[in-house]
Amino acid sequence: MSKLHPGVHRVSKILNFLSDNGDRSFSYVEIAKQVNFSRSTCHMILTGLTDVGYITRLNDKSYSIGPVFNTISLVAARIFPSYCGNFQGKDAKEFNEMKNLCDMRRAP
């Protein structure tokens, strides 16, 4: 495996932390502490990730995983269906609703 670029490493640490705690949102200070970054570095990365939709900044100024990951998940599900398992009940309904929304967004 090639050596990981420091910027990629920092971004992935933040995204992994937020996805591992997807049911919560965090202040940038909390995120900086959890991933062991300076506040300024963390804030800079969070601002960039927010600008591209990978994370969302909420009204209380906390951060959580952003809407881009819904699309990424659906694309991954199409490419690697064996990894997605069988959705049942409410999960299947929500997955299909999101899939339909993404499909409509891609329609010409």
PDB file of N, CA and C in Angstrom:
ATOM      1  N   MET A   1       0.843  -1.172   0.000  1.00  0.00           N
ATOM      2  CA  MET A   1       0.000   0.000   0.000  1.00  0.00           C
ATOM      3  C   MET A   1       0.890   1.238   0.000  1.00  0.00           C
ATOM      4  N   SER A   2       0.477   2.265  -0.744  1.00  0.00           N
ATOM      5  CA  SER A   2       1.263   3.483  -0.818  1.00  0.00           C
ATOM      6  C   SER A   2       1.114   4.296   0.461  1.00  0.00           C
ATOM      7  N   LYS A   3       2.056   5.204   0.651  1.00  0.00           N
ATOM      8  CA  LYS A   3       2.021   6.056   1.836  1.00  0.00           C
ATOM      9  C   LYS A   3       0.860   7.033   1.713  1.00  0.00           C
ATOM     10  N   LEU A   4       0.084   7.145   2.761  1.00  0.00           N
ATOM     11  CA  LEU A   4      -1.098   8.000   2.778  1.00  0.00           C
ATOM     12  C   LEU A   4      -0.687   9.463   2.918  1.00  0.00           C
ATOM     13  N   HIS A   5      -1.211  10.305   2.053  1.00  0.00           N
ATOM     14  CA  HIS A   5      -0.944  11.740   2.127  1.00  0.00           C
ATOM     15  C   HIS A   5      -1.510  12.281   3.436  1.00  0.00           C
ATOM     16  N   PRO A   6      -0.784  13.160   4.128  1.00  0.00           N
ATOM     17  CA  PRO A   6      -1.270  13.673   5.417  1.00  0.00           C
ATOM     18  C   PRO A   6      -2.650  14.327   5.350  1.00  0.00           C
ATOM     19  N   GLY A   7      -2.941  15.059   4.267  1.00  0.00           N
ATOM     20  CA  GLY A   7      -4.254  15.689   4.136  1.00  0.00           C
ATOM     21  C   GLY A   7      -5.367  14.667   4.021  1.00  0.00           C
ATOM     22  N   VAL A   8      -5.111  13.620   3.262  1.00  0.00           N
ATOM     23  CA  VAL A   8      -6.098  12.550   3.105  1.00  0.00           C
ATOM     24  C   VAL A   8      -6.303  11.848   4.443  1.00  0.00           C
ATOM     25  N   HIS A   9      -5.219  11.633   5.152  1.00  0.00           N
ATOM     26  CA  HIS A   9      -5.302  10.996   6.475  1.00  0.00           C
ATOM     27  C   HIS A   9      -6.164  11.831   7.423  1.00  0.00           C
ATOM     28  N   ARG A  10      -5.953  13.136   7.445  1.00  0.00           N
ATOM     29  CA  ARG A  10      -6.721  14.001   8.346  1.00  0.00           C
ATOM     30  C   ARG A  10      -8.210  14.003   7.981  1.00  0.00           C
ATOM     31  N   VAL A  11      -8.502  14.134   6.689  1.00  0.00           N
ATOM     32  CA  VAL A  11      -9.907  14.135   6.251  1.00  0.00           C
ATOM     33  C   VAL A  11     -10.569  12.814   6.604  1.00  0.00           C
ATOM     34  N   SER A  12      -9.872  11.715   6.348  1.00  0.00           N
ATOM     35  CA  SER A  12     -10.470  10.398   6.632  1.00  0.00           C
ATOM     36  C   SER A  12     -10.695  10.198   8.126  1.00  0.00           C
ATOM     37  N   LYS A  13      -9.823  10.729   8.980  1.00  0.00           N
ATOM     38  CA  LYS A  13     -10.031  10.599  10.424  1.00  0.00           C
ATOM     39  C   LYS A  13     -11.321  11.295  10.851  1.00  0.00           C
ATOM     40  N   ILE A  14     -11.561  12.472  10.305  1.00  0.00           N
ATOM     41  CA  ILE A  14     -12.783  13.206  10.655  1.00  0.00           C
ATOM     42  C   ILE A  14     -14.013  12.487  10.118  1.00  0.00           C
ATOM     43  N   LEU A  15     -13.971  12.071   8.855  1.00  0.00           N
ATOM     44  CA  LEU A  15     -15.131  11.375   8.277  1.00  0.00           C
ATOM     45  C   LEU A  15     -15.401  10.060   8.992  1.00  0.00           C
ATOM     46  N   ASN A  16     -14.368   9.328   9.324  1.00  0.00           N
ATOM     47  CA  ASN A  16     -14.562   8.070  10.044  1.00  0.00           C
ATOM     48  C   ASN A  16     -15.143   8.310  11.431  1.00  0.00           C
ATOM     49  N   PHE A  17     -14.662   9.340  12.116  1.00  0.00           N
ATOM     50  CA  PHE A  17     -15.207   9.651  13.437  1.00  0.00           C
ATOM     51  C   PHE A  17     -16.694   9.986  13.339  1.00  0.00           C
ATOM     52  N   LEU A  18     -17.047  10.856  12.391  1.00  0.00           N
ATOM     53  CA  LEU A  18     -18.458  11.251  12.258  1.00  0.00           C
ATOM     54  C   LEU A  18     -19.337  10.079  11.835  1.00  0.00           C
ATOM     55  N   SER A  19     -18.839   9.237  10.931  1.00  0.00           N
ATOM     56  CA  SER A  19     -19.659   8.101  10.497  1.00  0.00           C
ATOM     57  C   SER A  19     -19.786   7.052  11.603  1.00  0.00           C
ATOM     58  N   ASP A  20     -18.755   6.883  12.404  1.00  0.00           N
ATOM     59  CA  ASP A  20     -18.837   5.946  13.532  1.00  0.00           C
ATOM     60  C   ASP A  20     -19.815   6.426  14.598  1.00  0.00           C
ATOM     61  N   ASN A  21     -20.097   7.713  14.595  1.00  0.00           N
ATOM     62  CA  ASN A  21     -21.011   8.323  15.573  1.00  0.00           C
ATOM     63  C   ASN A  21     -22.152   9.019  14.844  1.00  0.00           C
ATOM     64  N   GLY A  22     -22.667   8.369  13.813  1.00  0.00           N
ATOM     65  CA  GLY A  22     -23.631   8.970  12.903  1.00  0.00           C
ATOM     66  C   GLY A  22     -24.924   9.448  13.512  1.00  0.00           C
ATOM     67  N   ASP A  23     -25.250   8.983  14.695  1.00  0.00           N
ATOM     68  CA  ASP A  23     -26.499   9.389  15.318  1.00  0.00           C
ATOM     69  C   ASP A  23     -26.338  10.649  16.162  1.00  0.00           C
ATOM     70  N   ARG A  24     -25.159  11.260  16.147  1.00  0.00           N
ATOM     71  CA  ARG A  24     -24.888  12.467  16.941  1.00  0.00           C
ATOM     72  C   ARG A  24     -24.235  13.530  16.074  1.00  0.00           C
ATOM     73  N   SER A  25     -24.270  14.735  16.560  1.00  0.00           N
ATOM     74  CA  SER A  25     -23.494  15.811  15.956  1.00  0.00           C
ATOM     75  C   SER A  25     -22.528  16.333  17.013  1.00  0.00           C
ATOM     76  N   PHE A  26     -21.452  16.976  16.560  1.00  0.00           N
ATOM     77  CA  PHE A  26     -20.386  17.400  17.459  1.00  0.00           C
ATOM     78  C   PHE A  26     -19.915  18.808  17.106  1.00  0.00           C
ATOM     79  N   SER A  27     -19.484  19.560  18.123  1.00  0.00           N
ATOM     80  CA  SER A  27     -18.848  20.846  17.870  1.00  0.00           C
ATOM     81  C   SER A  27     -17.465  20.590  17.266  1.00  0.00           C
ATOM     82  N   TYR A  28     -16.917  21.621  16.627  1.00  0.00           N
ATOM     83  CA  TYR A  28     -15.591  21.410  16.057  1.00  0.00           C
ATOM     84  C   TYR A  28     -14.544  21.175  17.152  1.00  0.00           C
ATOM     85  N   VAL A  29     -14.746  21.730  18.329  1.00  0.00           N
ATOM     86  CA  VAL A  29     -13.822  21.503  19.444  1.00  0.00           C
ATOM     87  C   VAL A  29     -13.867  20.033  19.874  1.00  0.00           C
ATOM     88  N   GLU A  30     -15.068  19.463  19.962  1.00  0.00           N
ATOM     89  CA  GLU A  30     -15.200  18.045  20.324  1.00  0.00           C
ATOM     90  C   GLU A  30     -14.538  17.160  19.274  1.00  0.00           C
ATOM     91  N   ILE A  31     -14.760  17.485  18.004  1.00  0.00           N
ATOM     92  CA  ILE A  31     -14.159  16.684  16.926  1.00  0.00           C
ATOM     93  C   ILE A  31     -12.645  16.787  16.995  1.00  0.00           C
ATOM     94  N   ALA A  32     -12.122  18.000  17.170  1.00  0.00           N
ATOM     95  CA  ALA A  32     -10.668  18.195  17.247  1.00  0.00           C
ATOM     96  C   ALA A  32     -10.057  17.346  18.363  1.00  0.00           C
ATOM     97  N   LYS A  33     -10.714  17.308  19.513  1.00  0.00           N
ATOM     98  CA  LYS A  33     -10.217  16.499  20.628  1.00  0.00           C
ATOM     99  C   LYS A  33     -10.235  15.011  20.285  1.00  0.00           C
ATOM    100  N   GLN A  34     -11.326  14.561  19.669  1.00  0.00           N
ATOM    101  CA  GLN A  34     -11.475  13.132  19.367  1.00  0.00           C
ATOM    102  C   GLN A  34     -10.464  12.642  18.333  1.00  0.00           C
ATOM    103  N   VAL A  35     -10.143  13.488  17.354  1.00  0.00           N
ATOM    104  CA  VAL A  35      -9.215  13.064  16.296  1.00  0.00           C
ATOM    105  C   VAL A  35      -7.791  13.569  16.534  1.00  0.00           C
ATOM    106  N   ASN A  36      -7.615  14.291  17.656  1.00  0.00           N
ATOM    107  CA  ASN A  36      -6.296  14.767  18.070  1.00  0.00           C
ATOM    108  C   ASN A  36      -5.675  15.746  17.060  1.00  0.00           C
ATOM    109  N   PHE A  37      -6.480  16.715  16.621  1.00  0.00           N
ATOM    110  CA  PHE A  37      -6.006  17.786  15.743  1.00  0.00           C
ATOM    111  C   PHE A  37      -6.088  19.105  16.491  1.00  0.00           C
ATOM    112  N   SER A  38      -5.319  20.081  16.027  1.00  0.00           N
ATOM    113  CA  SER A  38      -5.481  21.423  16.580  1.00  0.00           C
ATOM    114  C   SER A  38      -6.860  21.937  16.170  1.00  0.00           C
ATOM    115  N   ARG A  39      -7.376  22.878  16.931  1.00  0.00           N
ATOM    116  CA  ARG A  39      -8.689  23.448  16.606  1.00  0.00           C
ATOM    117  C   ARG A  39      -8.686  24.104  15.236  1.00  0.00           C
ATOM    118  N   SER A  40      -7.617  24.811  14.913  1.00  0.00           N
ATOM    119  CA  SER A  40      -7.583  25.512  13.618  1.00  0.00           C
ATOM    120  C   SER A  40      -7.542  24.534  12.448  1.00  0.00           C
ATOM    121  N   THR A  41      -6.755  23.480  12.565  1.00  0.00           N
ATOM    122  CA  THR A  41      -6.703  22.471  11.501  1.00  0.00           C
ATOM    123  C   THR A  41      -8.062  21.800  11.344  1.00  0.00           C
ATOM    124  N   CYS A  42      -8.658  21.432  12.457  1.00  0.00           N
ATOM    125  CA  CYS A  42      -9.959  20.773  12.416  1.00  0.00           C
ATOM    126  C   CYS A  42     -11.010  21.688  11.792  1.00  0.00           C
ATOM    127  N   HIS A  43     -11.029  22.942  12.209  1.00  0.00           N
ATOM    128  CA  HIS A  43     -12.014  23.888  11.688  1.00  0.00           C
ATOM    129  C   HIS A  43     -11.842  24.078  10.182  1.00  0.00           C
ATOM    130  N   MET A  44     -10.598  24.173   9.711  1.00  0.00           N
ATOM    131  CA  MET A  44     -10.322  24.338   8.287  1.00  0.00           C
ATOM    132  C   MET A  44     -10.848  23.134   7.481  1.00  0.00           C
ATOM    133  N   ILE A  45     -10.587  21.941   7.976  1.00  0.00           N
ATOM    134  CA  ILE A  45     -11.039  20.733   7.280  1.00  0.00           C
ATOM    135  C   ILE A  45     -12.562  20.644   7.305  1.00  0.00           C
ATOM    136  N   LEU A  46     -13.170  20.921   8.448  1.00  0.00           N
ATOM    137  CA  LEU A  46     -14.630  20.883   8.547  1.00  0.00           C
ATOM    138  C   LEU A  46     -15.280  21.875   7.595  1.00  0.00           C
ATOM    139  N   THR A  47     -14.709  23.061   7.473  1.00  0.00           N
ATOM    140  CA  THR A  47     -15.253  24.065   6.556  1.00  0.00           C
ATOM    141  C   THR A  47     -15.217  23.558   5.120  1.00  0.00           C
ATOM    142  N   GLY A  48     -14.096  22.974   4.724  1.00  0.00           N
ATOM    143  CA  GLY A  48     -13.986  22.428   3.372  1.00  0.00           C
ATOM    144  C   GLY A  48     -14.946  21.286   3.118  1.00  0.00           C
ATOM    145  N   LEU A  49     -15.064  20.367   4.077  1.00  0.00           N
ATOM    146  CA  LEU A  49     -15.975  19.229   3.921  1.00  0.00           C
ATOM    147  C   LEU A  49     -17.430  19.678   3.888  1.00  0.00           C
ATOM    148  N   THR A  50     -17.738  20.746   4.616  1.00  0.00           N
ATOM    149  CA  THR A  50     -19.092  21.305   4.585  1.00  0.00           C
ATOM    150  C   THR A  50     -19.377  21.927   3.229  1.00  0.00           C
ATOM    151  N   ASP A  51     -18.398  22.639   2.692  1.00  0.00           N
ATOM    152  CA  ASP A  51     -18.575  23.295   1.393  1.00  0.00           C
ATOM    153  C   ASP A  51     -18.891  22.309   0.269  1.00  0.00           C
ATOM    154  N   VAL A  52     -18.360  21.093   0.357  1.00  0.00           N
ATOM    155  CA  VAL A  52     -18.607  20.107  -0.694  1.00  0.00           C
ATOM    156  C   VAL A  52     -19.720  19.122  -0.337  1.00  0.00           C
ATOM    157  N   GLY A  53     -20.362  19.296   0.823  1.00  0.00           N
ATOM    158  CA  GLY A  53     -21.520  18.480   1.185  1.00  0.00           C
ATOM    159  C   GLY A  53     -21.220  17.173   1.877  1.00  0.00           C
ATOM    160  N   TYR A  54     -19.948  16.908   2.196  1.00  0.00           N
ATOM    161  CA  TYR A  54     -19.621  15.652   2.864  1.00  0.00           C
ATOM    162  C   TYR A  54     -20.056  15.655   4.318  1.00  0.00           C
ATOM    163  N   ILE A  55     -20.067  16.835   4.920  1.00  0.00           N
ATOM    164  CA  ILE A  55     -20.604  16.975   6.264  1.00  0.00           C
ATOM    165  C   ILE A  55     -21.557  18.161   6.274  1.00  0.00           C
ATOM    166  N   THR A  56     -22.363  18.247   7.317  1.00  0.00           N
ATOM    167  CA  THR A  56     -23.355  19.310   7.456  1.00  0.00           C
ATOM    168  C   THR A  56     -23.099  20.068   8.746  1.00  0.00           C
ATOM    169  N   ARG A  57     -23.191  21.392   8.660  1.00  0.00           N
ATOM    170  CA  ARG A  57     -23.122  22.225   9.863  1.00  0.00           C
ATOM    171  C   ARG A  57     -24.551  22.583  10.245  1.00  0.00           C
ATOM    172  N   LEU A  58     -24.939  22.195  11.426  1.00  0.00           N
ATOM    173  CA  LEU A  58     -26.304  22.392  11.890  1.00  0.00           C
ATOM    174  C   LEU A  58     -26.472  23.776  12.509  1.00  0.00           C
ATOM    175  N   ASN A  59     -27.711  24.153  12.787  1.00  0.00           N
ATOM    176  CA  ASN A  59     -27.995  25.475  13.344  1.00  0.00           C
ATOM    177  C   ASN A  59     -27.285  25.739  14.669  1.00  0.00           C
ATOM    178  N   ASP A  60     -27.041  24.696  15.438  1.00  0.00           N
ATOM    179  CA  ASP A  60     -26.347  24.883  16.716  1.00  0.00           C
ATOM    180  C   ASP A  60     -24.826  24.880  16.546  1.00  0.00           C
ATOM    181  N   LYS A  61     -24.373  24.971  15.292  1.00  0.00           N
ATOM    182  CA  LYS A  61     -22.954  25.021  14.919  1.00  0.00           C
ATOM    183  C   LYS A  61     -22.218  23.709  15.156  1.00  0.00           C
ATOM    184  N   SER A  62     -22.968  22.618  15.292  1.00  0.00           N
ATOM    185  CA  SER A  62     -22.353  21.300  15.388  1.00  0.00           C
ATOM    186  C   SER A  62     -22.308  20.677  13.988  1.00  0.00           C
ATOM    187  N   TYR A  63     -21.542  19.606  13.861  1.00  0.00           N
ATOM    188  CA  TYR A  63     -21.321  18.961  12.562  1.00  0.00           C
ATOM    189  C   TYR A  63     -21.757  17.504  12.605  1.00  0.00           C
ATOM    190  N   SER A  64     -22.248  17.023  11.457  1.00  0.00           N
ATOM    191  CA  SER A  64     -22.590  15.608  11.299  1.00  0.00           C
ATOM    192  C   SER A  64     -22.355  15.222   9.840  1.00  0.00           C
ATOM    193  N   ILE A  65     -22.485  13.940   9.555  1.00  0.00           N
ATOM    194  CA  ILE A  65     -22.323  13.451   8.183  1.00  0.00           C
ATOM    195  C   ILE A  65     -23.316  14.172   7.278  1.00  0.00           C
ATOM    196  N   GLY A  66     -22.870  14.519   6.071  1.00  0.00           N
ATOM    197  CA  GLY A  66     -23.689  15.293   5.148  1.00  0.00           C
ATOM    198  C   GLY A  66     -24.425  14.465   4.115  1.00  0.00           C
ATOM    199  N   PRO A  67     -25.219  15.125   3.284  1.00  0.00           N
ATOM    200  CA  PRO A  67     -26.089  14.447   2.333  1.00  0.00           C
ATOM    201  C   PRO A  67     -25.372  13.726   1.199  1.00  0.00           C
ATOM    202  N   VAL A  68     -24.163  14.107   0.886  1.00  0.00           N
ATOM    203  CA  VAL A  68     -23.436  13.448  -0.201  1.00  0.00           C
ATOM    204  C   VAL A  68     -23.288  11.957   0.062  1.00  0.00           C
ATOM    205  N   PHE A  69     -23.204  11.579   1.337  1.00  0.00           N
ATOM    206  CA  PHE A  69     -23.011  10.163   1.649  1.00  0.00           C
ATOM    207  C   PHE A  69     -24.225   9.302   1.312  1.00  0.00           C
ATOM    208  N   ASN A  70     -25.411   9.889   1.238  1.00  0.00           N
ATOM    209  CA  ASN A  70     -26.571   9.118   0.777  1.00  0.00           C
ATOM    210  C   ASN A  70     -26.350   8.657  -0.655  1.00  0.00           C
ATOM    211  N   THR A  71     -25.905   9.560  -1.492  1.00  0.00           N
ATOM    212  CA  THR A  71     -25.645   9.223  -2.891  1.00  0.00           C
ATOM    213  C   THR A  71     -24.509   8.222  -2.999  1.00  0.00           C
ATOM    214  N   ILE A  72     -23.445   8.445  -2.252  1.00  0.00           N
ATOM    215  CA  ILE A  72     -22.307   7.523  -2.284  1.00  0.00           C
ATOM    216  C   ILE A  72     -22.744   6.121  -1.858  1.00  0.00           C
ATOM    217  N   SER A  73     -23.574   6.037  -0.828  1.00  0.00           N
ATOM    218  CA  SER A  73     -24.060   4.736  -0.356  1.00  0.00           C
ATOM    219  C   SER A  73     -24.872   4.024  -1.422  1.00  0.00           C
ATOM    220  N   LEU A  74     -25.707   4.776  -2.126  1.00  0.00           N
ATOM    221  CA  LEU A  74     -26.527   4.158  -3.161  1.00  0.00           C
ATOM    222  C   LEU A  74     -25.690   3.667  -4.334  1.00  0.00           C
ATOM    223  N   VAL A  75     -24.711   4.442  -4.710  1.00  0.00           N
ATOM    224  CA  VAL A  75     -23.816   4.009  -5.789  1.00  0.00           C
ATOM    225  C   VAL A  75     -23.069   2.750  -5.366  1.00  0.00           C
ATOM    226  N   ALA A  76     -22.561   2.741  -4.139  1.00  0.00           N
ATOM    227  CA  ALA A  76     -21.860   1.552  -3.643  1.00  0.00           C
ATOM    228  C   ALA A  76     -22.780   0.340  -3.604  1.00  0.00           C
ATOM    229  N   ALA A  77     -24.041   0.554  -3.241  1.00  0.00           N
ATOM    230  CA  ALA A  77     -24.997  -0.554  -3.188  1.00  0.00           C
ATOM    231  C   ALA A  77     -25.228  -1.149  -4.570  1.00  0.00           C
ATOM    232  N   ARG A  78     -25.218  -0.299  -5.586  1.00  0.00           N
ATOM    233  CA  ARG A  78     -25.396  -0.797  -6.956  1.00  0.00           C
ATOM    234  C   ARG A  78     -24.163  -1.550  -7.442  1.00  0.00           C
ATOM    235  N   ILE A  79     -22.988  -1.054  -7.072  1.00  0.00           N
ATOM    236  CA  ILE A  79     -21.744  -1.661  -7.539  1.00  0.00           C
ATOM    237  C   ILE A  79     -21.420  -2.937  -6.757  1.00  0.00           C
ATOM    238  N   PHE A  80     -21.701  -2.930  -5.462  1.00  0.00           N
ATOM    239  CA  PHE A  80     -21.363  -4.051  -4.586  1.00  0.00           C
ATOM    240  C   PHE A  80     -22.599  -4.559  -3.850  1.00  0.00           C
ATOM    241  N   PRO A  81     -23.589  -5.078  -4.578  1.00  0.00           N
ATOM    242  CA  PRO A  81     -24.843  -5.472  -3.917  1.00  0.00           C
ATOM    243  C   PRO A  81     -24.667  -6.552  -2.853  1.00  0.00           C
ATOM    244  N   SER A  82     -23.668  -7.408  -2.986  1.00  0.00           N
ATOM    245  CA  SER A  82     -23.497  -8.474  -2.000  1.00  0.00           C
ATOM    246  C   SER A  82     -23.072  -7.941  -0.633  1.00  0.00           C
ATOM    247  N   TYR A  83     -22.526  -6.731  -0.583  1.00  0.00           N
ATOM    248  CA  TYR A  83     -22.107  -6.137   0.692  1.00  0.00           C
ATOM    249  C   TYR A  83     -23.235  -5.410   1.413  1.00  0.00           C
ATOM    250  N   CYS A  84     -24.343  -5.190   0.728  1.00  0.00           N
ATOM    251  CA  CYS A  84     -25.404  -4.358   1.291  1.00  0.00           C
ATOM    252  C   CYS A  84     -26.418  -5.140   2.100  1.00  0.00           C
ATOM    253  N   GLY A  85     -26.395  -6.434   2.002  1.00  0.00           N
ATOM    254  CA  GLY A  85     -27.337  -7.231   2.771  1.00  0.00           C
ATOM    255  C   GLY A  85     -28.757  -7.082   2.261  1.00  0.00           C
ATOM    256  N   ASN A  86     -29.672  -7.697   2.929  1.00  0.00           N
ATOM    257  CA  ASN A  86     -31.077  -7.612   2.558  1.00  0.00           C
ATOM    258  C   ASN A  86     -31.777  -6.670   3.512  1.00  0.00           C
ATOM    259  N   PHE A  87     -32.277  -5.576   2.977  1.00  0.00           N
ATOM    260  CA  PHE A  87     -33.006  -4.629   3.795  1.00  0.00           C
ATOM    261  C   PHE A  87     -34.411  -5.151   4.026  1.00  0.00           C
ATOM    262  N   GLN A  88     -34.869  -5.027   5.246  1.00  0.00           N
ATOM    263  CA  GLN A  88     -36.192  -5.512   5.617  1.00  0.00           C
ATOM    264  C   GLN A  88     -37.020  -4.376   6.204  1.00  0.00           C
ATOM    265  N   GLY A  89     -38.317  -4.417   6.024  1.00  0.00           N
ATOM    266  CA  GLY A  89     -39.242  -3.496   6.674  1.00  0.00           C
ATOM    267  C   GLY A  89     -38.923  -2.044   6.438  1.00  0.00           C
ATOM    268  N   LYS A  90     -38.824  -1.288   7.519  1.00  0.00           N
ATOM    269  CA  LYS A  90     -38.609   0.157   7.462  1.00  0.00           C
ATOM    270  C   LYS A  90     -37.302   0.501   6.748  1.00  0.00           C
ATOM    271  N   ASP A  91     -36.237  -0.271   6.994  1.00  0.00           N
ATOM    272  CA  ASP A  91     -34.958  -0.004   6.349  1.00  0.00           C
ATOM    273  C   ASP A  91     -35.072  -0.114   4.835  1.00  0.00           C
ATOM    274  N   ALA A  92     -35.781  -1.125   4.359  1.00  0.00           N
ATOM    275  CA  ALA A  92     -35.963  -1.305   2.921  1.00  0.00           C
ATOM    276  C   ALA A  92     -36.752  -0.151   2.330  1.00  0.00           C
ATOM    277  N   LYS A  93     -37.792   0.280   3.025  1.00  0.00           N
ATOM    278  CA  LYS A  93     -38.609   1.392   2.546  1.00  0.00           C
ATOM    279  C   LYS A  93     -37.771   2.670   2.453  1.00  0.00           C
ATOM    280  N   GLU A  94     -37.017   2.981   3.501  1.00  0.00           N
ATOM    281  CA  GLU A  94     -36.186   4.179   3.501  1.00  0.00           C
ATOM    282  C   GLU A  94     -35.111   4.103   2.426  1.00  0.00           C
ATOM    283  N   PHE A  95     -34.487   2.935   2.265  1.00  0.00           N
ATOM    284  CA  PHE A  95     -33.461   2.768   1.237  1.00  0.00           C
ATOM    285  C   PHE A  95     -34.051   3.001  -0.147  1.00  0.00           C
ATOM    286  N   ASN A  96     -35.210   2.416  -0.417  1.00  0.00           N
ATOM    287  CA  ASN A  96     -35.831   2.577  -1.734  1.00  0.00           C
ATOM    288  C   ASN A  96     -36.298   4.006  -1.983  1.00  0.00           C
ATOM    289  N   GLU A  97     -36.793   4.679  -0.948  1.00  0.00           N
ATOM    290  CA  GLU A  97     -37.184   6.080  -1.112  1.00  0.00           C
ATOM    291  C   GLU A  97     -35.975   6.934  -1.464  1.00  0.00           C
ATOM    292  N   MET A  98     -34.879   6.721  -0.777  1.00  0.00           N
ATOM    293  CA  MET A  98     -33.665   7.486  -1.062  1.00  0.00           C
ATOM    294  C   MET A  98     -33.146   7.164  -2.454  1.00  0.00           C
ATOM    295  N   LYS A  99     -33.189   5.908  -2.826  1.00  0.00           N
ATOM    296  CA  LYS A  99     -32.748   5.499  -4.161  1.00  0.00           C
ATOM    297  C   LYS A  99     -33.579   6.209  -5.218  1.00  0.00           C
ATOM    298  N   ASN A 100     -34.889   6.243  -5.041  1.00  0.00           N
ATOM    299  CA  ASN A 100     -35.761   6.903  -6.009  1.00  0.00           C
ATOM    300  C   ASN A 100     -35.468   8.392  -6.107  1.00  0.00           C
ATOM    301  N   LEU A 101     -35.226   9.046  -4.975  1.00  0.00           N
ATOM    302  CA  LEU A 101     -34.889  10.469  -4.994  1.00  0.00           C
ATOM    303  C   LEU A 101     -33.592  10.715  -5.752  1.00  0.00           C
ATOM    304  N   CYS A 102     -32.605   9.882  -5.513  1.00  0.00           N
ATOM    305  CA  CYS A 102     -31.325  10.038  -6.209  1.00  0.00           C
ATOM    306  C   CYS A 102     -31.469   9.749  -7.697  1.00  0.00           C
ATOM    307  N   ASP A 103     -32.263   8.744  -8.056  1.00  0.00           N
ATOM    308  CA  ASP A 103     -32.506   8.441  -9.455  1.00  0.00           C
ATOM    309  C   ASP A 103     -33.185   9.602 -10.164  1.00  0.00           C
ATOM    310  N   MET A 104     -34.164  10.234  -9.487  1.00  0.00           N
ATOM    311  CA  MET A 104     -34.868  11.389 -10.084  1.00  0.00           C
ATOM    312  C   MET A 104     -33.893  12.552 -10.276  1.00  0.00           C
ATOM    313  N   ARG A 105     -32.990  12.729  -9.336  1.00  0.00           N
ATOM    314  CA  ARG A 105     -32.039  13.822  -9.430  1.00  0.00           C
ATOM    315  C   ARG A 105     -31.090  13.618 -10.603  1.00  0.00           C
ATOM    316  N   ARG A 106     -30.813  12.366 -10.956  1.00  0.00           N
ATOM    317  CA  ARG A 106     -29.898  12.080 -12.058  1.00  0.00           C
ATOM    318  C   ARG A 106     -30.585  12.084 -13.427  1.00  0.00           C
ATOM    319  N   ALA A 107     -31.918  12.012 -13.434  1.00  0.00           N
ATOM    320  CA  ALA A 107     -32.656  11.939 -14.696  1.00  0.00           C
ATOM    321  C   ALA A 107     -32.409  13.190 -15.534  1.00  0.00           C
ATOM    322  N   PRO A 108     -32.308  13.012 -16.875  1.00  0.00           N
ATOM    323  CA  PRO A 108     -32.067  14.192 -17.751  1.00  0.00           C
ATOM    324  C   PRO A 108     -33.227  15.152 -17.763  1.00  0.00           C
TER     325      PRO A 108
END
